[in-house]
Amino acid sequence: METIETEIKNKNALSILRGLEKAKIIKLIKPKTKEKNTPVRHKGAITRERAVELIKKIEQSREEWEERTI
Protein backbone atom coordinates (compact mmCIF):
# COMPACT_ATOMS: atom_id res chain seq x y z
CA MET A 1 0.00 0.00 0.00
CA GLU A 2 1.25 3.50 -0.82
CA THR A 3 0.14 6.91 0.44
CA ILE A 4 0.20 9.88 -1.91
CA GLU A 5 -0.95 13.47 -1.56
CA THR A 6 -3.12 14.99 -4.28
CA GLU A 7 -4.67 18.35 -5.00
CA ILE A 8 -8.33 18.20 -5.97
CA LYS A 9 -9.18 20.72 -8.68
CA ASN A 10 -12.98 20.52 -8.63
CA LYS A 11 -16.01 18.83 -7.08
CA ASN A 12 -16.22 16.24 -9.86
CA ALA A 13 -12.78 14.92 -8.96
CA LEU A 14 -13.79 14.68 -5.32
CA SER A 15 -16.95 12.76 -6.18
CA ILE A 16 -14.92 10.34 -8.32
CA LEU A 17 -12.54 9.76 -5.42
CA ARG A 18 -15.44 9.21 -3.04
CA GLY A 19 -16.84 6.65 -5.47
CA LEU A 20 -13.50 4.84 -5.48
CA GLU A 21 -13.51 4.88 -1.71
CA LYS A 22 -17.05 3.47 -1.63
CA ALA A 23 -15.89 0.68 -3.95
CA LYS A 24 -13.10 0.00 -1.42
CA ILE A 25 -10.41 0.74 -4.00
CA ILE A 26 -8.88 3.67 -2.12
CA LYS A 27 -9.15 5.23 1.33
CA LEU A 28 -9.49 9.00 1.68
CA ILE A 29 -7.54 10.45 4.58
CA LYS A 30 -8.28 13.93 5.87
CA PRO A 31 -5.12 16.07 6.03
CA LYS A 32 -3.76 16.85 9.47
CA THR A 33 -3.34 20.52 10.17
CA LYS A 34 0.17 21.47 11.17
CA GLU A 35 -0.94 24.34 13.39
CA LYS A 36 -4.08 23.60 15.34
CA ASN A 37 -4.82 27.11 16.57
CA THR A 38 -4.23 29.27 13.52
CA PRO A 39 -6.24 32.49 13.25
CA VAL A 40 -7.54 31.39 9.84
CA ARG A 41 -9.19 28.41 11.46
CA HIS A 42 -11.22 30.73 13.67
CA LYS A 43 -12.03 33.24 10.94
CA GLY A 44 -15.70 34.13 10.96
CA ALA A 45 -16.33 32.73 14.43
CA ILE A 46 -17.70 36.11 15.50
CA THR A 47 -18.81 39.10 13.49
CA ARG A 48 -16.62 42.16 13.05
CA GLU A 49 -19.16 44.25 14.97
CA ARG A 50 -19.10 41.84 17.91
CA ALA A 51 -15.29 41.87 17.88
CA VAL A 52 -15.24 45.68 18.06
CA GLU A 53 -17.76 45.56 20.89
CA LEU A 54 -15.63 43.07 22.83
CA ILE A 55 -12.48 45.15 22.31
CA LYS A 56 -14.27 48.21 23.72
CA LYS A 57 -15.43 46.25 26.76
CA ILE A 58 -11.92 44.92 27.37
CA GLU A 59 -10.46 48.43 27.14
CA GLN A 60 -13.12 49.71 29.54
CA SER A 61 -12.35 46.89 31.97
CA ARG A 62 -8.63 47.65 31.84
CA GLU A 63 -9.29 51.33 32.54
CA GLU A 64 -11.46 50.39 35.53
CA TRP A 65 -8.70 48.16 36.90
CA GLU A 66 -6.15 50.96 36.54
CA GLU A 67 -8.45 53.32 38.49
CA ARG A 68 -8.77 50.90 41.42
CA THR A 69 -6.77 51.65 44.56
CA ILE A 70 -6.45 48.45 46.50
PDB file of N, CA and C in Angstrom:
ATOM      1  N   MET A   1       0.848  -1.170   0.000  1.00  0.00           N
ATOM      2  CA  MET A   1       0.000   0.000   0.000  1.00  0.00           C
ATOM      3  C   MET A   1       0.893   1.232   0.000  1.00  0.00           C
ATOM      4  N   GLU A   2       0.466   2.275  -0.693  1.00  0.00           N
ATOM      5  CA  GLU A   2       1.248   3.495  -0.819  1.00  0.00           C
ATOM      6  C   GLU A   2       0.352   4.696  -0.537  1.00  0.00           C
ATOM      7  N   THR A   3       0.883   5.690   0.142  1.00  0.00           N
ATOM      8  CA  THR A   3       0.140   6.905   0.435  1.00  0.00           C
ATOM      9  C   THR A   3       0.697   8.030  -0.421  1.00  0.00           C
ATOM     10  N   ILE A   4      -0.211   8.735  -1.106  1.00  0.00           N
ATOM     11  CA  ILE A   4       0.199   9.883  -1.910  1.00  0.00           C
ATOM     12  C   ILE A   4      -0.696  11.063  -1.580  1.00  0.00           C
ATOM     13  N   GLU A   5      -0.178  12.255  -1.807  1.00  0.00           N
ATOM     14  CA  GLU A   5      -0.948  13.467  -1.565  1.00  0.00           C
ATOM     15  C   GLU A   5      -1.359  14.040  -2.914  1.00  0.00           C
ATOM     16  N   THR A   6      -2.625  14.436  -3.018  1.00  0.00           N
ATOM     17  CA  THR A   6      -3.119  14.987  -4.282  1.00  0.00           C
ATOM     18  C   THR A   6      -3.825  16.309  -4.032  1.00  0.00           C
ATOM     19  N   GLU A   7      -3.909  17.116  -5.058  1.00  0.00           N
ATOM     20  CA  GLU A   7      -4.673  18.354  -5.001  1.00  0.00           C
ATOM     21  C   GLU A   7      -5.913  18.172  -5.858  1.00  0.00           C
ATOM     22  N   ILE A   8      -7.072  18.380  -5.260  1.00  0.00           N
ATOM     23  CA  ILE A   8      -8.333  18.199  -5.970  1.00  0.00           C
ATOM     24  C   ILE A   8      -8.714  19.524  -6.614  1.00  0.00           C
ATOM     25  N   LYS A   9      -8.926  19.494  -7.919  1.00  0.00           N
ATOM     26  CA  LYS A   9      -9.179  20.718  -8.682  1.00  0.00           C
ATOM     27  C   LYS A   9     -10.647  21.125  -8.714  1.00  0.00           C
ATOM     28  N   ASN A  10     -11.562  20.159  -8.591  1.00  0.00           N
ATOM     29  CA  ASN A  10     -12.980  20.523  -8.625  1.00  0.00           C
ATOM     30  C   ASN A  10     -13.820  19.464  -7.912  1.00  0.00           C
ATOM     31  N   LYS A  11     -15.109  19.734  -7.798  1.00  0.00           N
ATOM     32  CA  LYS A  11     -16.015  18.834  -7.078  1.00  0.00           C
ATOM     33  C   LYS A  11     -16.192  17.498  -7.791  1.00  0.00           C
ATOM     34  N   ASN A  12     -16.080  17.498  -9.114  1.00  0.00           N
ATOM     35  CA  ASN A  12     -16.216  16.241  -9.855  1.00  0.00           C
ATOM     36  C   ASN A  12     -15.111  15.264  -9.478  1.00  0.00           C
ATOM     37  N   ALA A  13     -13.901  15.778  -9.337  1.00  0.00           N
ATOM     38  CA  ALA A  13     -12.776  14.923  -8.962  1.00  0.00           C
ATOM     39  C   ALA A  13     -13.008  14.334  -7.578  1.00  0.00           C
ATOM     40  N   LEU A  14     -13.520  15.164  -6.670  1.00  0.00           N
ATOM     41  CA  LEU A  14     -13.788  14.677  -5.324  1.00  0.00           C
ATOM     42  C   LEU A  14     -14.862  13.592  -5.335  1.00  0.00           C
ATOM     43  N   SER A  15     -15.894  13.774  -6.135  1.00  0.00           N
ATOM     44  CA  SER A  15     -16.948  12.756  -6.179  1.00  0.00           C
ATOM     45  C   SER A  15     -16.431  11.449  -6.781  1.00  0.00           C
ATOM     46  N   ILE A  16     -15.528  11.552  -7.754  1.00  0.00           N
ATOM     47  CA  ILE A  16     -14.922  10.335  -8.318  1.00  0.00           C
ATOM     48  C   ILE A  16     -14.109   9.612  -7.247  1.00  0.00           C
ATOM     49  N   LEU A  17     -13.339  10.373  -6.484  1.00  0.00           N
ATOM     50  CA  LEU A  17     -12.539   9.760  -5.415  1.00  0.00           C
ATOM     51  C   LEU A  17     -13.430   9.131  -4.346  1.00  0.00           C
ATOM     52  N   ARG A  18     -14.515   9.784  -4.024  1.00  0.00           N
ATOM     53  CA  ARG A  18     -15.440   9.206  -3.038  1.00  0.00           C
ATOM     54  C   ARG A  18     -16.068   7.915  -3.561  1.00  0.00           C
ATOM     55  N   GLY A  19     -16.331   7.879  -4.866  1.00  0.00           N
ATOM     56  CA  GLY A  19     -16.842   6.650  -5.466  1.00  0.00           C
ATOM     57  C   GLY A  19     -15.825   5.524  -5.379  1.00  0.00           C
ATOM     58  N   LEU A  20     -14.567   5.850  -5.615  1.00  0.00           N
ATOM     59  CA  LEU A  20     -13.505   4.838  -5.484  1.00  0.00           C
ATOM     60  C   LEU A  20     -13.378   4.364  -4.041  1.00  0.00           C
ATOM     61  N   GLU A  21     -13.566   5.271  -3.107  1.00  0.00           N
ATOM     62  CA  GLU A  21     -13.510   4.878  -1.709  1.00  0.00           C
ATOM     63  C   GLU A  21     -14.688   3.970  -1.363  1.00  0.00           C
ATOM     64  N   LYS A  22     -15.859   4.295  -1.881  1.00  0.00           N
ATOM     65  CA  LYS A  22     -17.050   3.474  -1.634  1.00  0.00           C
ATOM     66  C   LYS A  22     -16.872   2.064  -2.200  1.00  0.00           C
ATOM     67  N   ALA A  23     -16.152   1.979  -3.331  1.00  0.00           N
ATOM     68  CA  ALA A  23     -15.890   0.679  -3.946  1.00  0.00           C
ATOM     69  C   ALA A  23     -14.725  -0.046  -3.273  1.00  0.00           C
ATOM     70  N   LYS A  24     -14.202   0.564  -2.195  1.00  0.00           N
ATOM     71  CA  LYS A  24     -13.095  -0.003  -1.420  1.00  0.00           C
ATOM     72  C   LYS A  24     -11.831  -0.183  -2.259  1.00  0.00           C
ATOM     73  N   ILE A  25     -11.620   0.747  -3.181  1.00  0.00           N
ATOM     74  CA  ILE A  25     -10.411   0.742  -3.999  1.00  0.00           C
ATOM     75  C   ILE A  25      -9.346   1.631  -3.363  1.00  0.00           C
ATOM     76  N   ILE A  26      -9.794   2.756  -2.800  1.00  0.00           N
ATOM     77  CA  ILE A  26      -8.884   3.674  -2.122  1.00  0.00           C
ATOM     78  C   ILE A  26      -9.476   4.058  -0.775  1.00  0.00           C
ATOM     79  N   LYS A  27      -8.665   4.712   0.050  1.00  0.00           N
ATOM     80  CA  LYS A  27      -9.146   5.234   1.329  1.00  0.00           C
ATOM     81  C   LYS A  27      -8.762   6.702   1.387  1.00  0.00           C
ATOM     82  N   LEU A  28      -9.752   7.570   1.574  1.00  0.00           N
ATOM     83  CA  LEU A  28      -9.489   8.996   1.685  1.00  0.00           C
ATOM     84  C   LEU A  28      -9.112   9.321   3.119  1.00  0.00           C
ATOM     85  N   ILE A  29      -8.031  10.067   3.264  1.00  0.00           N
ATOM     86  CA  ILE A  29      -7.536  10.453   4.579  1.00  0.00           C
ATOM     87  C   ILE A  29      -7.581  11.967   4.662  1.00  0.00           C
ATOM     88  N   LYS A  30      -8.221  12.476   5.699  1.00  0.00           N
ATOM     89  CA  LYS A  30      -8.278  13.927   5.873  1.00  0.00           C
ATOM     90  C   LYS A  30      -6.895  14.421   6.271  1.00  0.00           C
ATOM     91  N   PRO A  31      -6.455  15.544   5.697  1.00  0.00           N
ATOM     92  CA  PRO A  31      -5.124  16.067   6.034  1.00  0.00           C
ATOM     93  C   PRO A  31      -5.079  16.571   7.467  1.00  0.00           C
ATOM     94  N   LYS A  32      -3.957  16.358   8.108  1.00  0.00           N
ATOM     95  CA  LYS A  32      -3.760  16.847   9.467  1.00  0.00           C
ATOM     96  C   LYS A  32      -3.235  18.272   9.374  1.00  0.00           C
ATOM     97  N   THR A  33      -3.808  19.145  10.173  1.00  0.00           N
ATOM     98  CA  THR A  33      -3.337  20.520  10.173  1.00  0.00           C
ATOM     99  C   THR A  33      -2.061  20.607  10.998  1.00  0.00           C
ATOM    100  N   LYS A  34      -1.101  21.340  10.483  1.00  0.00           N
ATOM    101  CA  LYS A  34       0.173  21.466  11.175  1.00  0.00           C
ATOM    102  C   LYS A  34       0.050  22.358  12.396  1.00  0.00           C
ATOM    103  N   GLU A  35      -0.718  23.435  12.274  1.00  0.00           N
ATOM    104  CA  GLU A  35      -0.941  24.342  13.387  1.00  0.00           C
ATOM    105  C   GLU A  35      -2.417  24.281  13.757  1.00  0.00           C
ATOM    106  N   LYS A  36      -2.690  23.810  14.957  1.00  0.00           N
ATOM    107  CA  LYS A  36      -4.079  23.595  15.340  1.00  0.00           C
ATOM    108  C   LYS A  36      -4.824  24.877  15.662  1.00  0.00           C
ATOM    109  N   ASN A  37      -4.134  25.896  16.146  1.00  0.00           N
ATOM    110  CA  ASN A  37      -4.823  27.115  16.568  1.00  0.00           C
ATOM    111  C   ASN A  37      -4.475  28.313  15.694  1.00  0.00           C
ATOM    112  N   THR A  38      -4.529  28.151  14.407  1.00  0.00           N
ATOM    113  CA  THR A  38      -4.234  29.272  13.525  1.00  0.00           C
ATOM    114  C   THR A  38      -5.410  30.233  13.496  1.00  0.00           C
ATOM    115  N   PRO A  39      -5.135  31.528  13.323  1.00  0.00           N
ATOM    116  CA  PRO A  39      -6.239  32.494  13.251  1.00  0.00           C
ATOM    117  C   PRO A  39      -7.192  32.211  12.097  1.00  0.00           C
ATOM    118  N   VAL A  40      -6.687  31.674  10.996  1.00  0.00           N
ATOM    119  CA  VAL A  40      -7.536  31.389   9.839  1.00  0.00           C
ATOM    120  C   VAL A  40      -8.595  30.360  10.200  1.00  0.00           C
ATOM    121  N   ARG A  41      -8.238  29.441  11.046  1.00  0.00           N
ATOM    122  CA  ARG A  41      -9.188  28.409  11.460  1.00  0.00           C
ATOM    123  C   ARG A  41     -10.397  29.008  12.181  1.00  0.00           C
ATOM    124  N   HIS A  42     -10.155  30.104  12.894  1.00  0.00           N
ATOM    125  CA  HIS A  42     -11.224  30.732  13.668  1.00  0.00           C
ATOM    126  C   HIS A  42     -11.878  31.890  12.928  1.00  0.00           C
ATOM    127  N   LYS A  43     -11.486  32.122  11.711  1.00  0.00           N
ATOM    128  CA  LYS A  43     -12.029  33.240  10.940  1.00  0.00           C
ATOM    129  C   LYS A  43     -13.542  33.088  10.787  1.00  0.00           C
ATOM    130  N   GLY A  44     -14.249  34.146  11.092  1.00  0.00           N
ATOM    131  CA  GLY A  44     -15.698  34.132  10.960  1.00  0.00           C
ATOM    132  C   GLY A  44     -16.422  33.585  12.171  1.00  0.00           C
ATOM    133  N   ALA A  45     -15.692  33.278  13.237  1.00  0.00           N
ATOM    134  CA  ALA A  45     -16.326  32.726  14.429  1.00  0.00           C
ATOM    135  C   ALA A  45     -17.246  33.761  15.075  1.00  0.00           C
ATOM    136  N   ILE A  46     -16.839  35.033  15.027  1.00  0.00           N
ATOM    137  CA  ILE A  46     -17.701  36.113  15.502  1.00  0.00           C
ATOM    138  C   ILE A  46     -17.700  37.212  14.443  1.00  0.00           C
ATOM    139  N   THR A  47     -18.718  38.030  14.481  1.00  0.00           N
ATOM    140  CA  THR A  47     -18.811  39.102  13.493  1.00  0.00           C
ATOM    141  C   THR A  47     -17.832  40.219  13.837  1.00  0.00           C
ATOM    142  N   ARG A  48     -17.532  41.026  12.842  1.00  0.00           N
ATOM    143  CA  ARG A  48     -16.622  42.157  13.047  1.00  0.00           C
ATOM    144  C   ARG A  48     -17.204  43.120  14.087  1.00  0.00           C
ATOM    145  N   GLU A  49     -18.514  43.339  14.028  1.00  0.00           N
ATOM    146  CA  GLU A  49     -19.163  44.247  14.970  1.00  0.00           C
ATOM    147  C   GLU A  49     -19.028  43.732  16.401  1.00  0.00           C
ATOM    148  N   ARG A  50     -19.222  42.445  16.571  1.00  0.00           N
ATOM    149  CA  ARG A  50     -19.097  41.845  17.915  1.00  0.00           C
ATOM    150  C   ARG A  50     -17.654  41.933  18.405  1.00  0.00           C
ATOM    151  N   ALA A  51     -16.695  41.772  17.503  1.00  0.00           N
ATOM    152  CA  ALA A  51     -15.289  41.871  17.882  1.00  0.00           C
ATOM    153  C   ALA A  51     -14.963  43.280  18.360  1.00  0.00           C
ATOM    154  N   VAL A  52     -15.467  44.290  17.656  1.00  0.00           N
ATOM    155  CA  VAL A  52     -15.236  45.679  18.060  1.00  0.00           C
ATOM    156  C   VAL A  52     -15.875  45.940  19.421  1.00  0.00           C
ATOM    157  N   GLU A  53     -17.069  45.404  19.610  1.00  0.00           N
ATOM    158  CA  GLU A  53     -17.764  45.558  20.892  1.00  0.00           C
ATOM    159  C   GLU A  53     -16.957  44.924  22.025  1.00  0.00           C
ATOM    160  N   LEU A  54     -16.421  43.746  21.797  1.00  0.00           N
ATOM    161  CA  LEU A  54     -15.626  43.070  22.828  1.00  0.00           C
ATOM    162  C   LEU A  54     -14.337  43.828  23.127  1.00  0.00           C
ATOM    163  N   ILE A  55     -13.707  44.379  22.103  1.00  0.00           N
ATOM    164  CA  ILE A  55     -12.483  45.155  22.312  1.00  0.00           C
ATOM    165  C   ILE A  55     -12.770  46.376  23.181  1.00  0.00           C
ATOM    166  N   LYS A  56     -13.894  47.044  22.919  1.00  0.00           N
ATOM    167  CA  LYS A  56     -14.272  48.212  23.723  1.00  0.00           C
ATOM    168  C   LYS A  56     -14.507  47.821  25.173  1.00  0.00           C
ATOM    169  N   LYS A  57     -15.172  46.693  25.394  1.00  0.00           N
ATOM    170  CA  LYS A  57     -15.433  46.249  26.761  1.00  0.00           C
ATOM    171  C   LYS A  57     -14.137  45.885  27.481  1.00  0.00           C
ATOM    172  N   ILE A  58     -13.208  45.272  26.766  1.00  0.00           N
ATOM    173  CA  ILE A  58     -11.918  44.925  27.365  1.00  0.00           C
ATOM    174  C   ILE A  58     -11.153  46.182  27.745  1.00  0.00           C
ATOM    175  N   GLU A  59     -11.141  47.161  26.846  1.00  0.00           N
ATOM    176  CA  GLU A  59     -10.462  48.428  27.140  1.00  0.00           C
ATOM    177  C   GLU A  59     -11.094  49.128  28.338  1.00  0.00           C
ATOM    178  N   GLN A  60     -12.420  49.115  28.411  1.00  0.00           N
ATOM    179  CA  GLN A  60     -13.123  49.714  29.539  1.00  0.00           C
ATOM    180  C   GLN A  60     -12.752  48.991  30.833  1.00  0.00           C
ATOM    181  N   SER A  61     -12.702  47.677  30.795  1.00  0.00           N
ATOM    182  CA  SER A  61     -12.355  46.893  31.971  1.00  0.00           C
ATOM    183  C   SER A  61     -10.925  47.195  32.425  1.00  0.00           C
ATOM    184  N   ARG A  62     -10.019  47.329  31.490  1.00  0.00           N
ATOM    185  CA  ARG A  62      -8.626  47.654  31.836  1.00  0.00           C
ATOM    186  C   ARG A  62      -8.532  49.032  32.492  1.00  0.00           C
ATOM    187  N   GLU A  63      -9.279  49.985  31.956  1.00  0.00           N
ATOM    188  CA  GLU A  63      -9.287  51.325  32.543  1.00  0.00           C
ATOM    189  C   GLU A  63      -9.829  51.290  33.971  1.00  0.00           C
ATOM    190  N   GLU A  64     -10.881  50.498  34.191  1.00  0.00           N
ATOM    191  CA  GLU A  64     -11.456  50.390  35.532  1.00  0.00           C
ATOM    192  C   GLU A  64     -10.459  49.762  36.495  1.00  0.00           C
ATOM    193  N   TRP A  65      -9.694  48.789  36.041  1.00  0.00           N
ATOM    194  CA  TRP A  65      -8.700  48.156  36.902  1.00  0.00           C
ATOM    195  C   TRP A  65      -7.583  49.133  37.247  1.00  0.00           C
ATOM    196  N   GLU A  66      -7.204  49.992  36.290  1.00  0.00           N
ATOM    197  CA  GLU A  66      -6.151  50.963  36.543  1.00  0.00           C
ATOM    198  C   GLU A  66      -6.605  52.028  37.551  1.00  0.00           C
ATOM    199  N   GLU A  67      -7.901  52.324  37.579  1.00  0.00           N
ATOM    200  CA  GLU A  67      -8.446  53.319  38.491  1.00  0.00           C
ATOM    201  C   GLU A  67      -8.582  52.794  39.918  1.00  0.00           C
ATOM    202  N   ARG A  68      -8.580  51.506  40.094  1.00  0.00           N
ATOM    203  CA  ARG A  68      -8.771  50.901  41.417  1.00  0.00           C
ATOM    204  C   ARG A  68      -7.572  51.189  42.311  1.00  0.00           C
ATOM    205  N   THR A  69      -7.838  51.448  43.573  1.00  0.00           N
ATOM    206  CA  THR A  69      -6.767  51.653  44.556  1.00  0.00           C
ATOM    207  C   THR A  69      -6.934  50.636  45.673  1.00  0.00           C
ATOM    208  N   ILE A  70      -6.344  49.515  45.488  1.00  0.00           N
ATOM    209  CA  ILE A  70      -6.452  48.448  46.503  1.00  0.00           C
ATOM    210  C   ILE A  70      -5.173  48.399  47.289  1.00  0.00           C
TER     211      ILE A  70
END
